[in-house]
């Protein structure tokens, strides 16, 4: 009888350990992914209308301070998109269990990350490349177009 109780205790303990590991390796990264996805959606919507730098912003016409002030929004947008892209790529490269789950759900973290970095690089001009990266992000994270 005591042996059966000991066996039950050990199985219960191992079940708790397996549950704790599952929480650390699955639930927490999944929550981080969905929080990052929400942040990406927020940022891409807010930055959708950041105008590209105007080629007429030159020193003879504008002071260096004025040019810096005019360029600040697009430079900050580029840095934010690059940061989000790096974080999404890092998630895709390191959280393999959670990545398999989000891929099963139809998301592609790596494609989203590279799309964000591509968008940051093409933010300085309107055109097909900018639209392609935006569409890539929307597809990878299942956002409506």
C-alpha atoms as a PDB file:
ATOM      1  CA  UNK A   1       0.000   0.000   0.000  1.00  0.00           C
ATOM      2  CA  UNK A   2       2.800   2.443   0.861  1.00  0.00           C
ATOM      3  CA  UNK A   3       4.550   1.597  -2.414  1.00  0.00           C
ATOM      4  CA  UNK A   4       1.421   2.542  -4.385  1.00  0.00           C
ATOM      5  CA  UNK A   5       1.161   5.869  -2.544  1.00  0.00           C
ATOM      6  CA  UNK A   6       4.836   6.602  -3.223  1.00  0.00           C
ATOM      7  CA  UNK A   7       4.334   5.783  -6.921  1.00  0.00           C
ATOM      8  CA  UNK A   8       1.327   8.137  -7.062  1.00  0.00           C
ATOM      9  CA  UNK A   9       3.338  10.872  -5.359  1.00  0.00           C
ATOM     10  CA  UNK A  10       6.226  10.505  -7.822  1.00  0.00           C
ATOM     11  CA  UNK A  11       3.897  10.485 -10.842  1.00  0.00           C
ATOM     12  CA  UNK A  12       2.133  13.588  -9.496  1.00  0.00           C
ATOM     13  CA  UNK A  13       5.448  15.350  -8.943  1.00  0.00           C
ATOM     14  CA  UNK A  14       6.662  14.485 -12.457  1.00  0.00           C
ATOM     15  CA  UNK A  15       3.354  15.702 -13.870  1.00  0.00           C
ATOM     16  CA  UNK A  16       3.878  19.012 -12.104  1.00  0.00           C
ATOM     17  CA  UNK A  17       7.403  19.316 -13.469  1.00  0.00           C
ATOM     18  CA  UNK A  18       6.217  18.547 -17.009  1.00  0.00           C
ATOM     19  CA  UNK A  19       3.413  21.116 -16.603  1.00  0.00           C
ATOM     20  CA  UNK A  20       5.833  23.802 -15.405  1.00  0.00           C
ATOM     21  CA  UNK A  21       8.181  23.111 -18.304  1.00  0.00           C
ATOM     22  CA  UNK A  22       5.262  23.290 -20.752  1.00  0.00           C
ATOM     23  CA  UNK A  23       4.271  26.660 -19.331  1.00  0.00           C
ATOM     24  CA  UNK A  24       7.811  28.026 -19.601  1.00  0.00           C
ATOM     25  CA  UNK A  25       8.514  26.680 -23.078  1.00  0.00           C
ATOM     26  CA  UNK A  26       5.092  27.030 -24.698  1.00  0.00           C
ATOM     27  CA  UNK A  27       2.619  29.366 -23.018  1.00  0.00           C
ATOM     28  CA  UNK A  28       5.006  32.221 -22.243  1.00  0.00           C
ATOM     29  CA  UNK A  29       6.511  32.407 -25.768  1.00  0.00           C
ATOM     30  CA  UNK A  30       3.035  32.156 -27.301  1.00  0.00           C
ATOM     31  CA  UNK A  31       1.857  35.081 -25.211  1.00  0.00           C
ATOM     32  CA  UNK A  32       4.955  37.030 -26.228  1.00  0.00           C
ATOM     33  CA  UNK A  33       4.267  36.264 -29.893  1.00  0.00           C
ATOM     34  CA  UNK A  34       0.696  37.514 -29.722  1.00  0.00           C
ATOM     35  CA  UNK A  35       1.746  40.616 -27.759  1.00  0.00           C
ATOM     36  CA  UNK A  36       4.434  41.329 -30.377  1.00  0.00           C
ATOM     37  CA  UNK A  37       1.880  40.739 -33.159  1.00  0.00           C
ATOM     38  CA  UNK A  38      -0.448  43.292 -31.557  1.00  0.00           C
ATOM     39  CA  UNK A  39       2.395  45.796 -31.216  1.00  0.00           C
ATOM     40  CA  UNK A  40       3.356  45.288 -34.865  1.00  0.00           C
ATOM     41  CA  UNK A  41      -0.221  45.918 -35.963  1.00  0.00           C
ATOM     42  CA  UNK A  42      -0.396  49.078 -33.879  1.00  0.00           C
ATOM     43  CA  UNK A  43       2.904  50.414 -35.188  1.00  0.00           C
ATOM     44  CA  UNK A  44       2.253  49.585 -38.849  1.00  0.00           C
ATOM     45  CA  UNK A  45      -1.143  51.284 -38.716  1.00  0.00           C
ATOM     46  CA  UNK A  46       0.280  54.387 -37.030  1.00  0.00           C
ATOM     47  CA  UNK A  47       3.211  54.597 -39.441  1.00  0.00           C
ATOM     48  CA  UNK A  48       1.227  53.918 -42.606  1.00  0.00           C
ATOM     49  CA  UNK A  49       1.081  57.593 -43.511  1.00  0.00           C
ATOM     50  CA  UNK A  50       4.617  58.644 -42.636  1.00  0.00           C
ATOM     51  CA  UNK A  51       5.678  60.526 -45.759  1.00  0.00           C
ATOM     52  CA  UNK A  52       9.014  59.697 -47.337  1.00  0.00           C
ATOM     53  CA  UNK A  53      11.716  62.367 -47.142  1.00  0.00           C
ATOM     54  CA  UNK A  54      11.354  65.060 -49.775  1.00  0.00           C
ATOM     55  CA  UNK A  55      14.371  65.344 -52.109  1.00  0.00           C
ATOM     56  CA  UNK A  56      14.091  69.149 -51.919  1.00  0.00           C
ATOM     57  CA  UNK A  57      15.112  69.115 -48.252  1.00  0.00           C
ATOM     58  CA  UNK A  58      18.620  70.379 -48.924  1.00  0.00           C
ATOM     59  CA  UNK A  59      20.959  72.645 -46.945  1.00  0.00           C
ATOM     60  CA  UNK A  60      20.734  75.794 -49.063  1.00  0.00           C
ATOM     61  CA  UNK A  61      16.936  75.841 -48.759  1.00  0.00           C
ATOM     62  CA  UNK A  62      16.658  74.462 -45.209  1.00  0.00           C
ATOM     63  CA  UNK A  63      18.936  74.677 -42.207  1.00  0.00           C
ATOM     64  CA  UNK A  64      20.519  71.470 -40.929  1.00  0.00           C
ATOM     65  CA  UNK A  65      18.278  71.708 -37.846  1.00  0.00           C
ATOM     66  CA  UNK A  66      15.179  71.973 -40.023  1.00  0.00           C
ATOM     67  CA  UNK A  67      16.259  69.022 -42.148  1.00  0.00           C
ATOM     68  CA  UNK A  68      16.891  66.945 -39.023  1.00  0.00           C
ATOM     69  CA  UNK A  69      13.444  67.879 -37.698  1.00  0.00           C
ATOM     70  CA  UNK A  70      11.819  66.962 -41.030  1.00  0.00           C
ATOM     71  CA  UNK A  71      13.652  63.613 -41.226  1.00  0.00           C
ATOM     72  CA  UNK A  72      13.072  62.615 -37.584  1.00  0.00           C
ATOM     73  CA  UNK A  73       9.629  60.943 -38.069  1.00  0.00           C
ATOM     74  CA  UNK A  74      10.805  58.698 -40.906  1.00  0.00           C
ATOM     75  CA  UNK A  75      14.064  57.794 -39.129  1.00  0.00           C
ATOM     76  CA  UNK A  76      12.191  56.918 -35.927  1.00  0.00           C
ATOM     77  CA  UNK A  77       9.716  54.845 -37.953  1.00  0.00           C
ATOM     78  CA  UNK A  78      12.558  52.986 -39.673  1.00  0.00           C
ATOM     79  CA  UNK A  79      14.232  52.241 -36.329  1.00  0.00           C
ATOM     80  CA  UNK A  80      10.971  51.028 -34.752  1.00  0.00           C
ATOM     81  CA  UNK A  81      10.158  48.745 -37.694  1.00  0.00           C
ATOM     82  CA  UNK A  82      13.707  47.347 -37.674  1.00  0.00           C
ATOM     83  CA  UNK A  83      13.461  46.665 -33.957  1.00  0.00           C
ATOM     84  CA  UNK A  84      10.131  44.865 -34.320  1.00  0.00           C
ATOM     85  CA  UNK A  85      11.486  42.865 -37.262  1.00  0.00           C
ATOM     86  CA  UNK A  86      14.554  41.813 -35.290  1.00  0.00           C
ATOM     87  CA  UNK A  87      12.424  40.735 -32.353  1.00  0.00           C
ATOM     88  CA  UNK A  88      10.134  38.668 -34.597  1.00  0.00           C
ATOM     89  CA  UNK A  89      13.083  37.011 -36.359  1.00  0.00           C
ATOM     90  CA  UNK A  90      14.668  36.248 -32.971  1.00  0.00           C
ATOM     91  CA  UNK A  91      11.403  34.652 -31.859  1.00  0.00           C
ATOM     92  CA  UNK A  92      11.317  32.568 -35.036  1.00  0.00           C
ATOM     93  CA  UNK A  93      14.920  31.464 -34.578  1.00  0.00           C
ATOM     94  CA  UNK A  94      14.826  30.579 -30.881  1.00  0.00           C
ATOM     95  CA  UNK A  95      11.366  29.479 -29.743  1.00  0.00           C
ATOM     96  CA  UNK A  96      11.040  26.364 -31.876  1.00  0.00           C
ATOM     97  CA  UNK A  97       8.131  24.747 -29.999  1.00  0.00           C
ATOM     98  CA  UNK A  98       6.065  27.932 -29.994  1.00  0.00           C
ATOM     99  CA  UNK A  99       7.008  28.592 -33.632  1.00  0.00           C
ATOM    100  CA  UNK A 100       5.624  25.216 -34.674  1.00  0.00           C
ATOM    101  CA  UNK A 101       2.372  26.033 -32.891  1.00  0.00           C
ATOM    102  CA  UNK A 102       2.010  29.483 -34.467  1.00  0.00           C
ATOM    103  CA  UNK A 103       2.869  28.038 -37.892  1.00  0.00           C
ATOM    104  CA  UNK A 104       0.139  25.452 -37.368  1.00  0.00           C
ATOM    105  CA  UNK A 105      -2.206  28.387 -36.660  1.00  0.00           C
ATOM    106  CA  UNK A 106      -1.183  29.978 -39.969  1.00  0.00           C
ATOM    107  CA  UNK A 107       1.393  32.574 -38.888  1.00  0.00           C
ATOM    108  CA  UNK A 108       4.930  32.920 -40.233  1.00  0.00           C
ATOM    109  CA  UNK A 109       7.173  34.795 -37.760  1.00  0.00           C
ATOM    110  CA  UNK A 110      10.284  34.795 -39.964  1.00  0.00           C
ATOM    111  CA  UNK A 111       8.444  36.148 -43.006  1.00  0.00           C
ATOM    112  CA  UNK A 112       6.907  38.853 -40.806  1.00  0.00           C
ATOM    113  CA  UNK A 113      10.299  39.807 -39.370  1.00  0.00           C
ATOM    114  CA  UNK A 114      12.004  40.051 -42.743  1.00  0.00           C
ATOM    115  CA  UNK A 115       8.999  41.961 -44.092  1.00  0.00           C
ATOM    116  CA  UNK A 116       9.313  44.495 -41.267  1.00  0.00           C
ATOM    117  CA  UNK A 117      13.006  44.991 -41.928  1.00  0.00           C
ATOM    118  CA  UNK A 118      12.316  45.294 -45.659  1.00  0.00           C
ATOM    119  CA  UNK A 119       9.593  47.852 -44.946  1.00  0.00           C
ATOM    120  CA  UNK A 120      11.998  49.835 -42.777  1.00  0.00           C
ATOM    121  CA  UNK A 121      14.488  49.878 -45.651  1.00  0.00           C
ATOM    122  CA  UNK A 122      11.880  50.973 -48.207  1.00  0.00           C
ATOM    123  CA  UNK A 123      10.027  53.454 -46.012  1.00  0.00           C
ATOM    124  CA  UNK A 124      11.896  56.360 -47.578  1.00  0.00           C
ATOM    125  CA  UNK A 125       9.874  56.067 -50.786  1.00  0.00           C
ATOM    126  CA  UNK A 126       6.403  55.156 -51.922  1.00  0.00           C
ATOM    127  CA  UNK A 127       6.124  52.381 -54.455  1.00  0.00           C
ATOM    128  CA  UNK A 128       5.821  48.688 -55.173  1.00  0.00           C
ATOM    129  CA  UNK A 129       8.591  47.599 -52.799  1.00  0.00           C
ATOM    130  CA  UNK A 130       6.967  49.312 -49.819  1.00  0.00           C
ATOM    131  CA  UNK A 131       3.574  47.818 -50.732  1.00  0.00           C
ATOM    132  CA  UNK A 132       5.102  44.354 -51.206  1.00  0.00           C
ATOM    133  CA  UNK A 133       6.678  44.373 -47.743  1.00  0.00           C
ATOM    134  CA  UNK A 134       3.452  45.615 -46.178  1.00  0.00           C
ATOM    135  CA  UNK A 135       1.500  42.810 -47.899  1.00  0.00           C
ATOM    136  CA  UNK A 136       4.113  40.275 -46.759  1.00  0.00           C
ATOM    137  CA  UNK A 137       3.720  41.383 -43.128  1.00  0.00           C
ATOM    138  CA  UNK A 138      -0.072  41.290 -43.369  1.00  0.00           C
ATOM    139  CA  UNK A 139      -0.017  37.773 -44.858  1.00  0.00           C
ATOM    140  CA  UNK A 140       2.526  36.415 -42.353  1.00  0.00           C
ATOM    141  CA  UNK A 141       0.617  37.744 -39.344  1.00  0.00           C
ATOM    142  CA  UNK A 142      -2.858  37.242 -40.835  1.00  0.00           C
ATOM    143  CA  UNK A 143      -3.836  40.901 -40.790  1.00  0.00           C
ATOM    144  CA  UNK A 144      -6.506  42.176 -43.182  1.00  0.00           C
ATOM    145  CA  UNK A 145      -5.118  44.165 -46.114  1.00  0.00           C
END
